[in-house]
Amino acid sequence: MSDFRFLYPEWLLVLLPLCGLVFWLSKRSRNQTLIAPHLAKAMGIQHKSARNAVTSAIAFCGLIATIALSGPSFTSAERPSFSNDSARVLIMDMSMSMYATDIKPNRLTQTKYKASDLLKKWSEGTTGLVAYAGDAYTVSPMTSDTRTIQNLIPNLSPELMPYPGADAVKAVRLAIDMMKNAGLSRGDIILFSDDLDDAETQGIQGLLEGTHWRLSILGVGTRSGAPIRLSDGTLLKTDAGQTVVAKSNFSNMNSVSKSLGGFFTPIQLNNSDIDAIANRTSSIESTGKLNQAQQISDRVNSGIWLVPLLIIPALLMFRRGFLFSMIILAYPLLSPKPAMASAWLNSNQQAKQLYDAEQYQEAADLFENKEWQGIAQYQAGNFPAAINALKDSQTLNGKYNLANAYAQNREFNQAISLYEDVLKQDPGNEDAKKNLEIVRQQQQQQQ
């Protein structure tokens, strides 16, 4: 009892009007009668007892309902928490070519819209913002408050950049430094740009190759390009007086992002480009880890156990069906299902409890997270189902687990291909090396 408390004590204020109502009803029952008391007594009429019973029932039910709603709690319950430690830096090109009008109204405006939409999808983890032209600048350090970053986006423009030009290499280097300074060893770099020349491509490749920093790119503009209309309405011209036409180099963007384990997409009229980037920068590899060491302590609301005290008086009104109704009421209480015991956990957390209890098939049926679902199916020995759950995974862990499922299902070619893919991205993965060797031996024996 020393740990007892009400979770919603404000509901106890309802007792004040309840007391007033009960007092008024009891007073009314004494004053309102069509027959004088001495005549009623002589005739054997019992008005008082009937009215007192109604008043008492209202008082009892009101008291029980108020206590139940106030959430009496005697204990706490520990539940596992999903901790999202994802990190990413959004880099925005602020070179003059972003004023090109091949996408309306211009590349810069569309890029700002896309950036704002993407930031809304990053509701967890930490995010930073970098803008660059001839040099790179931190617009926002790493923060979990993406709404603050959204407020900074509309103010960005090439005119704010001290040095003209376009040096994406400096921007990527700054993004890496930002994440390292935040104590991070892996993360995503998302570049919004309309061009990467060969020197920039090689420089970025040198910075990111062999690391855990992943680059994804949104290519802005078109290959045919368009003139650059400056903020004053004039067209940008060369010293010789020729109009500059800014063309987007998608081939370099595509090749460098894919070689570094990232993703490239040209800008789209709908939000499919932003959805694709968001999905690939919120993966279970660095985000959705189920942290068993960290537990969230939730107070257990015991008010639900007072509900039968309210239902029983209602059932008594149905005299003929009383026994049948009591059986219906008592059955779920005598045979509670696991879902009742876990009313305060979401489906993934309930599934993890089943997984820890080695009830793998039940956990797989409950998991909403595809990668956890695949892991549970694997542990349950249902390797085809594990393959089906993991086949669309783009994460390193997901590919490794999918390779294991293929190996167990004796689909050795697919397993070998995936193990090799994992080792390209993570050459130090000893488990993948060992499994690859075993699968190759089994494949040779099969032949």
Foldseek 3Di string as FASTA:
>chain_A
DVQKDFPACVLVVVVVVLVVVLVVQLVCLVVDDPDDPVVCVVVVHDSNVVSVVVSVLSSVLVVLVSSLVRFIFDFKDKFWDFAFAAEEEEEEEQALLQQFPLDPPGNLVVVLVLVLVLLVLLQHHWYWYWYDAPAIDTPGAIDNPSVVVNVSSVVDHSVVHPDHHHQVLRVVVVRVVRQVVVVDQAHEYEYEEQEDDPVNLVSVCVVQAPGRYAYEYAHTAAQVFGFRQDPVRDTDADPVGHTDGDGGDVVSNQVSRVLRLHYYDYDDPDCPVSVVRSDRRRACVRTRDGDPVDIDMGTDRPSVVSVVVNVLVVLVVVVVCNVVVVCVVCVCVVPPDVCVVPVPDAQLRSLVVCVVVVVLVVSLVRDPQLQSNLVSCVSVVNLVSSLVSLVPDSDLVSLQSNLVSCLSVVVLVSNLVSLVVSCSNPVPPPVSVVVNVVSVVVVVVVD
